[in-house]
Amino acid sequence: MTGELISSILVVMGAVFCGLSAFGLVRLPDVYLRSHAATKSATFGVLCLLTGGFLYFWFKDGTVNVKLLLAIVFVFITSPVAGHLNGRAAYRSGVPLWKGSVQDDLKVLGEESKETSK
């Protein structure tokens, strides 16, 4: 009974975070903030969903589902890396920052690389 409650809470939390992530993808102003919404909250949401499913089968049947464990590890590793690479590719291809952005950490690195290539 307790295991089903914990897994249900995790599944609902995961669904809420995935919904917030989808809302962020629609509402946020530029590609960098959208990438942040997609990677952070969607990763957490999917991890909560998968963990809830894993715990449900563990408590209900007493079995450990290796496929769910591998999916959790795979999502945990690949999603943030893909979001980082998408943001870096957007920056290098010249996609402008949102006008309300207050900090550009990569601008200094871009200027240094231009000076060394001269």
PDB file of N, CA and C in Angstrom:
ATOM      1  N   MET A   1       0.822  -1.199   0.000  1.00  0.00           N
ATOM      2  CA  MET A   1       0.000   0.000   0.000  1.00  0.00           C
ATOM      3  C   MET A   1       0.862   1.259   0.000  1.00  0.00           C
ATOM      4  N   THR A   2       1.869   1.289   0.857  1.00  0.00           N
ATOM      5  CA  THR A   2       2.745   2.454   0.918  1.00  0.00           C
ATOM      6  C   THR A   2       3.555   2.600  -0.369  1.00  0.00           C
ATOM      7  N   GLY A   3       4.023   1.472  -0.906  1.00  0.00           N
ATOM      8  CA  GLY A   3       4.781   1.517  -2.148  1.00  0.00           C
ATOM      9  C   GLY A   3       3.969   2.056  -3.312  1.00  0.00           C
ATOM     10  N   GLU A   4       2.698   1.670  -3.380  1.00  0.00           N
ATOM     11  CA  GLU A   4       1.835   2.184  -4.441  1.00  0.00           C
ATOM     12  C   GLU A   4       1.601   3.676  -4.274  1.00  0.00           C
ATOM     13  N   LEU A   5       1.502   4.134  -3.032  1.00  0.00           N
ATOM     14  CA  LEU A   5       1.320   5.566  -2.775  1.00  0.00           C
ATOM     15  C   LEU A   5       2.554   6.353  -3.191  1.00  0.00           C
ATOM     16  N   ILE A   6       3.724   5.849  -2.843  1.00  0.00           N
ATOM     17  CA  ILE A   6       4.970   6.529  -3.222  1.00  0.00           C
ATOM     18  C   ILE A   6       5.123   6.568  -4.735  1.00  0.00           C
ATOM     19  N   SER A   7       4.870   5.446  -5.390  1.00  0.00           N
ATOM     20  CA  SER A   7       5.004   5.427  -6.849  1.00  0.00           C
ATOM     21  C   SER A   7       3.960   6.324  -7.510  1.00  0.00           C
ATOM     22  N   SER A   8       2.762   6.379  -6.950  1.00  0.00           N
ATOM     23  CA  SER A   8       1.729   7.268  -7.509  1.00  0.00           C
ATOM     24  C   SER A   8       2.120   8.737  -7.367  1.00  0.00           C
ATOM     25  N   ILE A   9       2.688   9.085  -6.210  1.00  0.00           N
ATOM     26  CA  ILE A   9       3.142  10.471  -6.004  1.00  0.00           C
ATOM     27  C   ILE A   9       4.242  10.818  -6.997  1.00  0.00           C
ATOM     28  N   LEU A  10       5.175   9.905  -7.203  1.00  0.00           N
ATOM     29  CA  LEU A  10       6.254  10.158  -8.171  1.00  0.00           C
ATOM     30  C   LEU A  10       5.713  10.313  -9.588  1.00  0.00           C
ATOM     31  N   VAL A  11       4.751   9.492  -9.967  1.00  0.00           N
ATOM     32  CA  VAL A  11       4.186   9.585 -11.315  1.00  0.00           C
ATOM     33  C   VAL A  11       3.448  10.911 -11.497  1.00  0.00           C
ATOM     34  N   VAL A  12       2.695  11.324 -10.489  1.00  0.00           N
ATOM     35  CA  VAL A  12       1.982  12.605 -10.591  1.00  0.00           C
ATOM     36  C   VAL A  12       2.982  13.765 -10.632  1.00  0.00           C
ATOM     37  N   MET A  13       4.015  13.705  -9.788  1.00  0.00           N
ATOM     38  CA  MET A  13       5.048  14.742  -9.817  1.00  0.00           C
ATOM     39  C   MET A  13       5.724  14.807 -11.185  1.00  0.00           C
ATOM     40  N   GLY A  14       6.034  13.648 -11.746  1.00  0.00           N
ATOM     41  CA  GLY A  14       6.658  13.606 -13.063  1.00  0.00           C
ATOM     42  C   GLY A  14       5.763  14.191 -14.136  1.00  0.00           C
ATOM     43  N   ALA A  15       4.470  13.886 -14.069  1.00  0.00           N
ATOM     44  CA  ALA A  15       3.534  14.437 -15.054  1.00  0.00           C
ATOM     45  C   ALA A  15       3.427  15.952 -14.923  1.00  0.00           C
ATOM     46  N   VAL A  16       3.430  16.449 -13.692  1.00  0.00           N
ATOM     47  CA  VAL A  16       3.355  17.898 -13.475  1.00  0.00           C
ATOM     48  C   VAL A  16       4.608  18.582 -14.022  1.00  0.00           C
ATOM     49  N   PHE A  17       5.772  18.012 -13.737  1.00  0.00           N
ATOM     50  CA  PHE A  17       7.007  18.618 -14.241  1.00  0.00           C
ATOM     51  C   PHE A  17       7.093  18.551 -15.761  1.00  0.00           C
ATOM     52  N   CYS A  18       6.640  17.471 -16.369  1.00  0.00           N
ATOM     53  CA  CYS A  18       6.624  17.398 -17.832  1.00  0.00           C
ATOM     54  C   CYS A  18       5.664  18.431 -18.415  1.00  0.00           C
ATOM     55  N   GLY A  19       4.526  18.628 -17.753  1.00  0.00           N
ATOM     56  CA  GLY A  19       3.590  19.673 -18.197  1.00  0.00           C
ATOM     57  C   GLY A  19       4.178  21.058 -18.066  1.00  0.00           C
ATOM     58  N   LEU A  20       4.885  21.328 -16.960  1.00  0.00           N
ATOM     59  CA  LEU A  20       5.550  22.617 -16.795  1.00  0.00           C
ATOM     60  C   LEU A  20       6.640  22.817 -17.847  1.00  0.00           C
ATOM     61  N   SER A  21       7.312  21.755 -18.180  1.00  0.00           N
ATOM     62  CA  SER A  21       8.337  21.835 -19.212  1.00  0.00           C
ATOM     63  C   SER A  21       7.730  22.187 -20.564  1.00  0.00           C
ATOM     64  N   ALA A  22       6.618  21.569 -20.893  1.00  0.00           N
ATOM     65  CA  ALA A  22       5.949  21.880 -22.160  1.00  0.00           C
ATOM     66  C   ALA A  22       5.456  23.328 -22.155  1.00  0.00           C
ATOM     67  N   PHE A  23       4.953  23.776 -21.018  1.00  0.00           N
ATOM     68  CA  PHE A  23       4.516  25.176 -20.896  1.00  0.00           C
ATOM     69  C   PHE A  23       5.702  26.121 -21.079  1.00  0.00           C
ATOM     70  N   GLY A  24       6.850  25.769 -20.505  1.00  0.00           N
ATOM     71  CA  GLY A  24       8.050  26.583 -20.660  1.00  0.00           C
ATOM     72  C   GLY A  24       8.538  26.632 -22.092  1.00  0.00           C
ATOM     73  N   LEU A  25       8.416  25.529 -22.810  1.00  0.00           N
ATOM     74  CA  LEU A  25       8.839  25.522 -24.216  1.00  0.00           C
ATOM     75  C   LEU A  25       8.004  26.471 -25.054  1.00  0.00           C
ATOM     76  N   VAL A  26       6.751  26.649 -24.684  1.00  0.00           N
ATOM     77  CA  VAL A  26       5.864  27.530 -25.445  1.00  0.00           C
ATOM     78  C   VAL A  26       6.043  28.986 -25.019  1.00  0.00           C
ATOM     79  N   ARG A  27       6.211  29.235 -23.733  1.00  0.00           N
ATOM     80  CA  ARG A  27       6.164  30.593 -23.205  1.00  0.00           C
ATOM     81  C   ARG A  27       7.508  31.321 -23.127  1.00  0.00           C
ATOM     82  N   LEU A  28       8.609  30.617 -23.013  1.00  0.00           N
ATOM     83  CA  LEU A  28       9.888  31.295 -22.822  1.00  0.00           C
ATOM     84  C   LEU A  28      10.354  31.963 -24.117  1.00  0.00           C
ATOM     85  N   PRO A  29      11.086  33.091 -24.005  1.00  0.00           N
ATOM     86  CA  PRO A  29      11.323  33.945 -25.167  1.00  0.00           C
ATOM     87  C   PRO A  29      12.413  33.509 -26.145  1.00  0.00           C
ATOM     88  N   ASP A  30      13.457  32.831 -25.707  1.00  0.00           N
ATOM     89  CA  ASP A  30      14.516  32.501 -26.665  1.00  0.00           C
ATOM     90  C   ASP A  30      14.934  31.037 -26.556  1.00  0.00           C
ATOM     91  N   VAL A  31      15.790  30.637 -27.476  1.00  0.00           N
ATOM     92  CA  VAL A  31      16.162  29.228 -27.593  1.00  0.00           C
ATOM     93  C   VAL A  31      16.924  28.736 -26.368  1.00  0.00           C
ATOM     94  N   TYR A  32      17.664  29.611 -25.721  1.00  0.00           N
ATOM     95  CA  TYR A  32      18.465  29.198 -24.574  1.00  0.00           C
ATOM     96  C   TYR A  32      17.585  28.916 -23.356  1.00  0.00           C
ATOM     97  N   LEU A  33      16.617  29.760 -23.120  1.00  0.00           N
ATOM     98  CA  LEU A  33      15.703  29.522 -22.006  1.00  0.00           C
ATOM     99  C   LEU A  33      14.796  28.328 -22.294  1.00  0.00           C
ATOM    100  N   ARG A  34      14.408  28.156 -23.535  1.00  0.00           N
ATOM    101  CA  ARG A  34      13.600  26.992 -23.895  1.00  0.00           C
ATOM    102  C   ARG A  34      14.389  25.704 -23.717  1.00  0.00           C
ATOM    103  N   SER A  35      15.659  25.756 -24.073  1.00  0.00           N
ATOM    104  CA  SER A  35      16.516  24.587 -23.883  1.00  0.00           C
ATOM    105  C   SER A  35      16.643  24.262 -22.400  1.00  0.00           C
ATOM    106  N   HIS A  36      16.727  25.281 -21.587  1.00  0.00           N
ATOM    107  CA  HIS A  36      16.799  25.074 -20.140  1.00  0.00           C
ATOM    108  C   HIS A  36      15.522  24.396 -19.626  1.00  0.00           C
ATOM    109  N   ALA A  37      14.381  24.865 -20.103  1.00  0.00           N
ATOM    110  CA  ALA A  37      13.113  24.264 -19.682  1.00  0.00           C
ATOM    111  C   ALA A  37      13.014  22.817 -20.144  1.00  0.00           C
ATOM    112  N   ALA A  38      13.466  22.571 -21.358  1.00  0.00           N
ATOM    113  CA  ALA A  38      13.365  21.223 -21.906  1.00  0.00           C
ATOM    114  C   ALA A  38      14.288  20.257 -21.174  1.00  0.00           C
ATOM    115  N   THR A  39      15.485  20.703 -20.830  1.00  0.00           N
ATOM    116  CA  THR A  39      16.425  19.763 -20.224  1.00  0.00           C
ATOM    117  C   THR A  39      16.210  19.589 -18.731  1.00  0.00           C
ATOM    118  N   LYS A  40      16.030  20.660 -18.013  1.00  0.00           N
ATOM    119  CA  LYS A  40      15.944  20.537 -16.550  1.00  0.00           C
ATOM    120  C   LYS A  40      14.631  19.903 -16.100  1.00  0.00           C
ATOM    121  N   SER A  41      13.530  20.543 -16.417  1.00  0.00           N
ATOM    122  CA  SER A  41      12.260  20.053 -15.878  1.00  0.00           C
ATOM    123  C   SER A  41      11.780  18.787 -16.587  1.00  0.00           C
ATOM    124  N   ALA A  42      12.025  18.680 -17.875  1.00  0.00           N
ATOM    125  CA  ALA A  42      11.604  17.455 -18.564  1.00  0.00           C
ATOM    126  C   ALA A  42      12.430  16.256 -18.103  1.00  0.00           C
ATOM    127  N   THR A  43      13.712  16.453 -17.875  1.00  0.00           N
ATOM    128  CA  THR A  43      14.542  15.362 -17.372  1.00  0.00           C
ATOM    129  C   THR A  43      14.060  14.924 -15.995  1.00  0.00           C
ATOM    130  N   PHE A  44      13.807  15.897 -15.125  1.00  0.00           N
ATOM    131  CA  PHE A  44      13.311  15.557 -13.790  1.00  0.00           C
ATOM    132  C   PHE A  44      11.944  14.880 -13.872  1.00  0.00           C
ATOM    133  N   GLY A  45      11.080  15.359 -14.750  1.00  0.00           N
ATOM    134  CA  GLY A  45       9.760  14.761 -14.907  1.00  0.00           C
ATOM    135  C   GLY A  45       9.825  13.332 -15.401  1.00  0.00           C
ATOM    136  N   VAL A  46      10.633  13.091 -16.414  1.00  0.00           N
ATOM    137  CA  VAL A  46      10.763  11.731 -16.953  1.00  0.00           C
ATOM    138  C   VAL A  46      11.408  10.810 -15.927  1.00  0.00           C
ATOM    139  N   LEU A  47      12.389  11.323 -15.182  1.00  0.00           N
ATOM    140  CA  LEU A  47      13.009  10.499 -14.147  1.00  0.00           C
ATOM    141  C   LEU A  47      12.006  10.146 -13.050  1.00  0.00           C
ATOM    142  N   CYS A  48      11.150  11.086 -12.675  1.00  0.00           N
ATOM    143  CA  CYS A  48      10.114  10.785 -11.678  1.00  0.00           C
ATOM    144  C   CYS A  48       9.130   9.743 -12.216  1.00  0.00           C
ATOM    145  N   LEU A  49       8.735   9.877 -13.477  1.00  0.00           N
ATOM    146  CA  LEU A  49       7.821   8.895 -14.065  1.00  0.00           C
ATOM    147  C   LEU A  49       8.438   7.497 -14.099  1.00  0.00           C
ATOM    148  N   LEU A  50       9.666   7.417 -14.559  1.00  0.00           N
ATOM    149  CA  LEU A  50      10.326   6.110 -14.644  1.00  0.00           C
ATOM    150  C   LEU A  50      10.592   5.519 -13.264  1.00  0.00           C
ATOM    151  N   THR A  51      10.982   6.357 -12.316  1.00  0.00           N
ATOM    152  CA  THR A  51      11.216   5.864 -10.960  1.00  0.00           C
ATOM    153  C   THR A  51       9.910   5.403 -10.323  1.00  0.00           C
ATOM    154  N   GLY A  52       8.832   6.134 -10.573  1.00  0.00           N
ATOM    155  CA  GLY A  52       7.533   5.702 -10.067  1.00  0.00           C
ATOM    156  C   GLY A  52       7.122   4.357 -10.643  1.00  0.00           C
ATOM    157  N   GLY A  53       7.337   4.159 -11.930  1.00  0.00           N
ATOM    158  CA  GLY A  53       7.047   2.858 -12.543  1.00  0.00           C
ATOM    159  C   GLY A  53       7.932   1.755 -11.989  1.00  0.00           C
ATOM    160  N   PHE A  54       9.210   2.062 -11.814  1.00  0.00           N
ATOM    161  CA  PHE A  54      10.133   1.077 -11.255  1.00  0.00           C
ATOM    162  C   PHE A  54       9.702   0.662  -9.854  1.00  0.00           C
ATOM    163  N   LEU A  55       9.386   1.654  -8.993  1.00  0.00           N
ATOM    164  CA  LEU A  55       8.975   1.341  -7.626  1.00  0.00           C
ATOM    165  C   LEU A  55       7.649   0.592  -7.578  1.00  0.00           C
ATOM    166  N   TYR A  56       6.749   0.926  -8.497  1.00  0.00           N
ATOM    167  CA  TYR A  56       5.470   0.219  -8.531  1.00  0.00           C
ATOM    168  C   TYR A  56       5.680  -1.276  -8.770  1.00  0.00           C
ATOM    169  N   PHE A  57       6.458  -1.603  -9.796  1.00  0.00           N
ATOM    170  CA  PHE A  57       6.694  -3.018 -10.090  1.00  0.00           C
ATOM    171  C   PHE A  57       7.513  -3.692  -9.003  1.00  0.00           C
ATOM    172  N   TRP A  58       8.398  -2.945  -8.354  1.00  0.00           N
ATOM    173  CA  TRP A  58       9.205  -3.514  -7.285  1.00  0.00           C
ATOM    174  C   TRP A  58       8.339  -3.860  -6.081  1.00  0.00           C
ATOM    175  N   PHE A  59       7.453  -2.924  -5.692  1.00  0.00           N
ATOM    176  CA  PHE A  59       6.584  -3.183  -4.543  1.00  0.00           C
ATOM    177  C   PHE A  59       5.453  -4.154  -4.870  1.00  0.00           C
ATOM    178  N   LYS A  60       4.902  -4.057  -6.061  1.00  0.00           N
ATOM    179  CA  LYS A  60       3.739  -4.876  -6.427  1.00  0.00           C
ATOM    180  C   LYS A  60       4.131  -6.339  -6.700  1.00  0.00           C
ATOM    181  N   ASP A  61       5.135  -6.523  -7.579  1.00  0.00           N
ATOM    182  CA  ASP A  61       5.514  -7.876  -7.996  1.00  0.00           C
ATOM    183  C   ASP A  61       6.767  -8.393  -7.300  1.00  0.00           C
ATOM    184  N   GLY A  62       7.532  -7.502  -6.697  1.00  0.00           N
ATOM    185  CA  GLY A  62       8.789  -7.909  -6.085  1.00  0.00           C
ATOM    186  C   GLY A  62       9.893  -8.134  -7.097  1.00  0.00           C
ATOM    187  N   THR A  63       9.723  -7.595  -8.314  1.00  0.00           N
ATOM    188  CA  THR A  63      10.737  -7.770  -9.355  1.00  0.00           C
ATOM    189  C   THR A  63      11.452  -6.453  -9.621  1.00  0.00           C
ATOM    190  N   VAL A  64      12.701  -6.566  -9.978  1.00  0.00           N
ATOM    191  CA  VAL A  64      13.492  -5.397 -10.365  1.00  0.00           C
ATOM    192  C   VAL A  64      13.533  -5.360 -11.883  1.00  0.00           C
ATOM    193  N   ASN A  65      13.014  -4.282 -12.448  1.00  0.00           N
ATOM    194  CA  ASN A  65      12.956  -4.145 -13.896  1.00  0.00           C
ATOM    195  C   ASN A  65      14.231  -3.456 -14.379  1.00  0.00           C
ATOM    196  N   VAL A  66      15.116  -4.225 -14.978  1.00  0.00           N
ATOM    197  CA  VAL A  66      16.399  -3.702 -15.425  1.00  0.00           C
ATOM    198  C   VAL A  66      16.215  -2.704 -16.566  1.00  0.00           C
ATOM    199  N   LYS A  67      15.214  -2.902 -17.398  1.00  0.00           N
ATOM    200  CA  LYS A  67      14.980  -1.978 -18.509  1.00  0.00           C
ATOM    201  C   LYS A  67      14.654  -0.581 -17.992  1.00  0.00           C
ATOM    202  N   LEU A  68      13.852  -0.496 -16.933  1.00  0.00           N
ATOM    203  CA  LEU A  68      13.540   0.812 -16.361  1.00  0.00           C
ATOM    204  C   LEU A  68      14.774   1.442 -15.728  1.00  0.00           C
ATOM    205  N   LEU A  69      15.592   0.646 -15.073  1.00  0.00           N
ATOM    206  CA  LEU A  69      16.834   1.182 -14.500  1.00  0.00           C
ATOM    207  C   LEU A  69      17.759   1.720 -15.586  1.00  0.00           C
ATOM    208  N   LEU A  70      17.882   0.981 -16.676  1.00  0.00           N
ATOM    209  CA  LEU A  70      18.713   1.452 -17.788  1.00  0.00           C
ATOM    210  C   LEU A  70      18.140   2.712 -18.422  1.00  0.00           C
ATOM    211  N   ALA A  71      16.824   2.787 -18.527  1.00  0.00           N
ATOM    212  CA  ALA A  71      16.190   3.986 -19.081  1.00  0.00           C
ATOM    213  C   ALA A  71      16.434   5.184 -18.180  1.00  0.00           C
ATOM    214  N   ILE A  72      16.371   4.984 -16.866  1.00  0.00           N
ATOM    215  CA  ILE A  72      16.640   6.079 -15.928  1.00  0.00           C
ATOM    216  C   ILE A  72      18.065   6.584 -16.094  1.00  0.00           C
ATOM    217  N   VAL A  73      19.019   5.684 -16.146  1.00  0.00           N
ATOM    218  CA  VAL A  73      20.422   6.074 -16.315  1.00  0.00           C
ATOM    219  C   VAL A  73      20.623   6.758 -17.664  1.00  0.00           C
ATOM    220  N   PHE A  74      20.040   6.213 -18.713  1.00  0.00           N
ATOM    221  CA  PHE A  74      20.198   6.784 -20.051  1.00  0.00           C
ATOM    222  C   PHE A  74      19.650   8.211 -20.128  1.00  0.00           C
ATOM    223  N   VAL A  75      18.459   8.432 -19.596  1.00  0.00           N
ATOM    224  CA  VAL A  75      17.854   9.772 -19.619  1.00  0.00           C
ATOM    225  C   VAL A  75      18.660  10.728 -18.756  1.00  0.00           C
ATOM    226  N   PHE A  76      19.113  10.254 -17.598  1.00  0.00           N
ATOM    227  CA  PHE A  76      19.872  11.103 -16.681  1.00  0.00           C
ATOM    228  C   PHE A  76      21.186  11.565 -17.300  1.00  0.00           C
ATOM    229  N   ILE A  77      21.789  10.738 -18.117  1.00  0.00           N
ATOM    230  CA  ILE A  77      23.068  11.091 -18.731  1.00  0.00           C
ATOM    231  C   ILE A  77      22.882  11.885 -20.023  1.00  0.00           C
ATOM    232  N   THR A  78      21.997  11.456 -20.896  1.00  0.00           N
ATOM    233  CA  THR A  78      21.949  12.030 -22.238  1.00  0.00           C
ATOM    234  C   THR A  78      21.166  13.327 -22.354  1.00  0.00           C
ATOM    235  N   SER A  79      20.120  13.505 -21.594  1.00  0.00           N
ATOM    236  CA  SER A  79      19.283  14.691 -21.762  1.00  0.00           C
ATOM    237  C   SER A  79      20.012  15.995 -21.422  1.00  0.00           C
ATOM    238  N   PRO A  80      20.702  16.106 -20.288  1.00  0.00           N
ATOM    239  CA  PRO A  80      21.426  17.353 -20.032  1.00  0.00           C
ATOM    240  C   PRO A  80      22.551  17.619 -21.034  1.00  0.00           C
ATOM    241  N   VAL A  81      23.218  16.565 -21.466  1.00  0.00           N
ATOM    242  CA  VAL A  81      24.292  16.740 -22.442  1.00  0.00           C
ATOM    243  C   VAL A  81      23.729  17.231 -23.769  1.00  0.00           C
ATOM    244  N   ALA A  82      22.611  16.663 -24.201  1.00  0.00           N
ATOM    245  CA  ALA A  82      21.989  17.103 -25.450  1.00  0.00           C
ATOM    246  C   ALA A  82      21.515  18.547 -25.351  1.00  0.00           C
ATOM    247  N   GLY A  83      20.949  18.935 -24.223  1.00  0.00           N
ATOM    248  CA  GLY A  83      20.528  20.322 -24.037  1.00  0.00           C
ATOM    249  C   GLY A  83      21.703  21.281 -24.076  1.00  0.00           C
ATOM    250  N   HIS A  84      22.808  20.898 -23.455  1.00  0.00           N
ATOM    251  CA  HIS A  84      24.008  21.733 -23.480  1.00  0.00           C
ATOM    252  C   HIS A  84      24.551  21.879 -24.904  1.00  0.00           C
ATOM    253  N   LEU A  85      24.594  20.785 -25.629  1.00  0.00           N
ATOM    254  CA  LEU A  85      25.112  20.838 -26.996  1.00  0.00           C
ATOM    255  C   LEU A  85      24.194  21.643 -27.920  1.00  0.00           C
ATOM    256  N   ASN A  86      22.883  21.545 -27.714  1.00  0.00           N
ATOM    257  CA  ASN A  86      21.959  22.362 -28.511  1.00  0.00           C
ATOM    258  C   ASN A  86      22.153  23.840 -28.231  1.00  0.00           C
ATOM    259  N   GLY A  87      22.323  24.196 -26.966  1.00  0.00           N
ATOM    260  CA  GLY A  87      22.565  25.592 -26.617  1.00  0.00           C
ATOM    261  C   GLY A  87      23.877  26.099 -27.170  1.00  0.00           C
ATOM    262  N   ARG A  88      24.911  25.285 -27.091  1.00  0.00           N
ATOM    263  CA  ARG A  88      26.222  25.688 -27.627  1.00  0.00           C
ATOM    264  C   ARG A  88      26.167  25.846 -29.144  1.00  0.00           C
ATOM    265  N   ALA A  89      25.473  24.944 -29.821  1.00  0.00           N
ATOM    266  CA  ALA A  89      25.346  25.047 -31.274  1.00  0.00           C
ATOM    267  C   ALA A  89      24.546  26.286 -31.667  1.00  0.00           C
ATOM    268  N   ALA A  90      23.500  26.597 -30.911  1.00  0.00           N
ATOM    269  CA  ALA A  90      22.722  27.800 -31.202  1.00  0.00           C
ATOM    270  C   ALA A  90      23.575  29.043 -31.006  1.00  0.00           C
ATOM    271  N   TYR A  91      24.390  29.071 -29.964  1.00  0.00           N
ATOM    272  CA  TYR A  91      25.240  30.238 -29.714  1.00  0.00           C
ATOM    273  C   TYR A  91      26.290  30.397 -30.808  1.00  0.00           C
ATOM    274  N   ARG A  92      26.906  29.294 -31.179  1.00  0.00           N
ATOM    275  CA  ARG A  92      27.949  29.373 -32.208  1.00  0.00           C
ATOM    276  C   ARG A  92      27.393  29.713 -33.586  1.00  0.00           C
ATOM    277  N   SER A  93      26.127  29.382 -33.828  1.00  0.00           N
ATOM    278  CA  SER A  93      25.547  29.723 -35.130  1.00  0.00           C
ATOM    279  C   SER A  93      24.973  31.136 -35.151  1.00  0.00           C
ATOM    280  N   GLY A  94      25.071  31.846 -34.021  1.00  0.00           N
ATOM    281  CA  GLY A  94      24.700  33.256 -34.008  1.00  0.00           C
ATOM    282  C   GLY A  94      23.270  33.556 -33.600  1.00  0.00           C
ATOM    283  N   VAL A  95      22.595  32.635 -32.970  1.00  0.00           N
ATOM    284  CA  VAL A  95      21.236  32.903 -32.490  1.00  0.00           C
ATOM    285  C   VAL A  95      21.334  33.934 -31.367  1.00  0.00           C
ATOM    286  N   PRO A  96      20.635  35.059 -31.490  1.00  0.00           N
ATOM    287  CA  PRO A  96      20.789  36.124 -30.488  1.00  0.00           C
ATOM    288  C   PRO A  96      20.155  35.753 -29.151  1.00  0.00           C
ATOM    289  N   LEU A  97      20.736  36.326 -28.099  1.00  0.00           N
ATOM    290  CA  LEU A  97      20.158  36.167 -26.768  1.00  0.00           C
ATOM    291  C   LEU A  97      18.895  37.002 -26.656  1.00  0.00           C
ATOM    292  N   TRP A  98      18.052  36.672 -25.705  1.00  0.00           N
ATOM    293  CA  TRP A  98      16.865  37.458 -25.418  1.00  0.00           C
ATOM    294  C   TRP A  98      17.313  38.836 -24.947  1.00  0.00           C
ATOM    295  N   LYS A  99      16.592  39.882 -25.316  1.00  0.00           N
ATOM    296  CA  LYS A  99      17.002  41.245 -24.962  1.00  0.00           C
ATOM    297  C   LYS A  99      17.011  41.475 -23.456  1.00  0.00           C
ATOM    298  N   GLY A 100      16.310  40.657 -22.693  1.00  0.00           N
ATOM    299  CA  GLY A 100      16.302  40.774 -21.239  1.00  0.00           C
ATOM    300  C   GLY A 100      17.408  39.979 -20.557  1.00  0.00           C
ATOM    301  N   SER A 101      18.254  39.321 -21.334  1.00  0.00           N
ATOM    302  CA  SER A 101      19.365  38.561 -20.747  1.00  0.00           C
ATOM    303  C   SER A 101      20.386  39.524 -20.160  1.00  0.00           C
ATOM    304  N   VAL A 102      20.893  39.208 -18.982  1.00  0.00           N
ATOM    305  CA  VAL A 102      21.814  40.117 -18.307  1.00  0.00           C
ATOM    306  C   VAL A 102      23.254  39.635 -18.335  1.00  0.00           C
ATOM    307  N   GLN A 103      23.501  38.401 -18.737  1.00  0.00           N
ATOM    308  CA  GLN A 103      24.852  37.877 -18.698  1.00  0.00           C
ATOM    309  C   GLN A 103      25.099  36.973 -19.897  1.00  0.00           C
ATOM    310  N   ASP A 104      26.266  37.152 -20.507  1.00  0.00           N
ATOM    311  CA  ASP A 104      26.678  36.323 -21.637  1.00  0.00           C
ATOM    312  C   ASP A 104      28.054  35.753 -21.320  1.00  0.00           C
ATOM    313  N   ASP A 105      28.093  34.580 -20.721  1.00  0.00           N
ATOM    314  CA  ASP A 105      29.357  33.982 -20.296  1.00  0.00           C
ATOM    315  C   ASP A 105      30.230  33.552 -21.467  1.00  0.00           C
ATOM    316  N   LEU A 106      29.646  33.235 -22.589  1.00  0.00           N
ATOM    317  CA  LEU A 106      30.426  32.741 -23.723  1.00  0.00           C
ATOM    318  C   LEU A 106      30.988  33.860 -24.598  1.00  0.00           C
ATOM    319  N   LYS A 107      30.575  35.087 -24.374  1.00  0.00           N
ATOM    320  CA  LYS A 107      31.056  36.198 -25.193  1.00  0.00           C
ATOM    321  C   LYS A 107      32.561  36.382 -25.024  1.00  0.00           C
ATOM    322  N   VAL A 108      33.049  36.275 -23.808  1.00  0.00           N
ATOM    323  CA  VAL A 108      34.485  36.416 -23.549  1.00  0.00           C
ATOM    324  C   VAL A 108      35.263  35.311 -24.246  1.00  0.00           C
ATOM    325  N   LEU A 109      34.754  34.094 -24.191  1.00  0.00           N
ATOM    326  CA  LEU A 109      35.442  32.989 -24.852  1.00  0.00           C
ATOM    327  C   LEU A 109      35.462  33.164 -26.365  1.00  0.00           C
ATOM    328  N   GLY A 110      34.398  33.694 -26.916  1.00  0.00           N
ATOM    329  CA  GLY A 110      34.345  33.932 -28.355  1.00  0.00           C
ATOM    330  C   GLY A 110      35.325  34.998 -28.790  1.00  0.00           C
ATOM    331  N   GLU A 111      35.470  36.054 -27.991  1.00  0.00           N
ATOM    332  CA  GLU A 111      36.431  37.108 -28.315  1.00  0.00           C
ATOM    333  C   GLU A 111      37.861  36.601 -28.205  1.00  0.00           C
ATOM    334  N   GLU A 112      38.155  35.762 -27.194  1.00  0.00           N
ATOM    335  CA  GLU A 112      39.502  35.213 -27.044  1.00  0.00           C
ATOM    336  C   GLU A 112      39.877  34.307 -28.207  1.00  0.00           C
ATOM    337  N   SER A 113      38.904  33.511 -28.671  1.00  0.00           N
ATOM    338  CA  SER A 113      39.217  32.610 -29.781  1.00  0.00           C
ATOM    339  C   SER A 113      39.414  33.372 -31.079  1.00  0.00           C
ATOM    340  N   LYS A 114      38.725  34.506 -31.248  1.00  0.00           N
ATOM    341  CA  LYS A 114      38.914  35.330 -32.442  1.00  0.00           C
ATOM    342  C   LYS A 114      40.288  35.984 -32.429  1.00  0.00           C
ATOM    343  N   GLU A 115      40.748  36.408 -31.241  1.00  0.00           N
ATOM    344  CA  GLU A 115      42.066  37.043 -31.154  1.00  0.00           C
ATOM    345  C   GLU A 115      43.181  36.054 -31.421  1.00  0.00           C
ATOM    346  N   THR A 116      43.049  34.827 -30.955  1.00  0.00           N
ATOM    347  CA  THR A 116      44.095  33.834 -31.173  1.00  0.00           C
ATOM    348  C   THR A 116      44.131  33.326 -32.595  1.00  0.00           C
ATOM    349  N   SER A 117      43.006  33.438 -33.309  1.00  0.00           N
ATOM    350  CA  SER A 117      42.992  32.957 -34.690  1.00  0.00           C
ATOM    351  C   SER A 117      43.554  33.985 -35.667  1.00  0.00           C
ATOM    352  N   LYS A 118      43.773  35.199 -35.208  1.00  0.00           N
ATOM    353  CA  LYS A 118      44.322  36.243 -36.110  1.00  0.00           C
ATOM    354  C   LYS A 118      45.780  36.070 -36.352  1.00  0.00           C
TER     355      LYS A 118
END
